[in-house]
Every structure is written in C-alpha cells, then in structure tokens.
C-alpha cells in the first residue's frame, strides 16, 4: 500500500525525523542517504544528543543508529 498513512509514508516520515534530529547536532550526511534511528536505543531527540555517534560513517548511503 502507498499514500498517506502507509508503510511507505511512515518510513519516509521516520527518515525525515532522523535527519532533522541529526541536523540539530550539526551533523551532515548525503541528502539521498537513508537514516534509521533505533527507537529502543534512542526513543527521543535528547537520547540521540547524548549518544556517542563518532563511530558512524556519515558519508554512507544507509545509516542505522543503535546502541552496540
């Protein structure tokens, strides 16, 4: 299914939110990259702000942020 309230739109919204949260930390990544933040590891923007994100390759096309 596609369109409003579909799996497709939900995923797009979550990627936009992840990029917004990371942009507030002055992190840059390719515009075309897919970024996912594990909701169990980082349920809020504050949790992401307090995370150690130095190990992440910000030039990658696929970025998944979770606790190791």
Protein backbone atom coordinates (compact mmCIF):
# COMPACT_ATOMS: atom_id res chain seq x y z
CA UNK A 1 0.00 0.00 0.00
CA UNK A 2 1.17 3.52 -0.71
CA UNK A 3 -0.04 7.00 0.12
CA UNK A 4 -1.00 8.70 3.35
CA UNK A 5 -0.64 6.52 6.48
CA UNK A 6 1.01 3.68 4.56
CA UNK A 7 4.18 1.81 5.42
CA UNK A 8 5.89 3.81 2.66
CA UNK A 9 4.88 7.20 4.08
CA UNK A 10 5.67 6.12 7.64
CA UNK A 11 9.20 5.12 6.67
CA UNK A 12 9.71 8.41 4.79
CA UNK A 13 8.50 10.37 7.82
CA UNK A 14 10.85 8.49 10.16
CA UNK A 15 13.82 9.16 7.86
CA UNK A 16 12.92 12.87 7.75
CA UNK A 17 12.71 12.95 11.56
CA UNK A 18 16.10 11.23 11.92
CA UNK A 19 17.72 13.73 9.56
CA UNK A 20 16.10 16.62 11.44
CA UNK A 21 17.33 15.32 14.81
CA UNK A 22 20.86 14.88 13.45
CA UNK A 23 20.94 18.24 11.70
CA UNK A 24 20.32 19.89 15.08
CA UNK A 25 23.63 18.31 16.13
CA UNK A 26 25.34 19.94 13.12
CA UNK A 27 25.97 16.56 11.52
CA UNK A 28 25.92 16.37 7.75
CA UNK A 29 25.14 13.40 5.58
CA UNK A 30 24.25 12.88 1.91
CA UNK A 31 20.78 14.18 1.09
CA UNK A 32 19.97 10.85 -0.55
CA UNK A 33 21.01 8.76 2.46
CA UNK A 34 18.55 6.59 4.33
CA UNK A 35 18.93 7.10 8.07
CA UNK A 36 17.23 5.00 10.71
CA UNK A 37 17.43 5.54 14.46
CA UNK A 38 16.57 2.53 16.60
CA UNK A 39 13.57 3.59 18.72
CA UNK A 40 14.54 1.18 21.50
CA UNK A 41 18.07 2.57 21.77
CA UNK A 42 17.17 6.22 21.21
CA UNK A 43 13.48 6.90 21.81
CA UNK A 44 13.85 10.69 21.85
CA UNK A 45 15.88 13.52 20.37
CA UNK A 46 17.59 14.01 23.75
CA UNK A 47 18.78 10.40 23.75
CA UNK A 48 20.37 10.95 20.33
CA UNK A 49 22.01 14.17 21.55
CA UNK A 50 23.63 12.25 24.42
CA UNK A 51 24.80 9.36 22.24
CA UNK A 52 28.37 8.74 21.10
CA UNK A 53 27.99 8.94 17.32
CA UNK A 54 31.70 9.17 16.43
CA UNK A 55 31.85 5.62 15.05
CA UNK A 56 29.29 6.29 12.30
CA UNK A 57 30.29 6.76 8.67
CA UNK A 58 28.27 9.87 7.79
CA UNK A 59 29.12 9.55 4.08
CA UNK A 60 27.26 6.25 3.76
CA UNK A 61 24.02 5.87 1.80
CA UNK A 62 22.50 3.71 4.56
CA UNK A 63 22.97 4.70 8.19
CA UNK A 64 21.48 2.78 11.12
CA UNK A 65 21.98 4.23 14.59
CA UNK A 66 21.60 1.85 17.52
CA UNK A 67 23.46 1.01 20.69
CA UNK A 68 26.07 -1.69 20.20
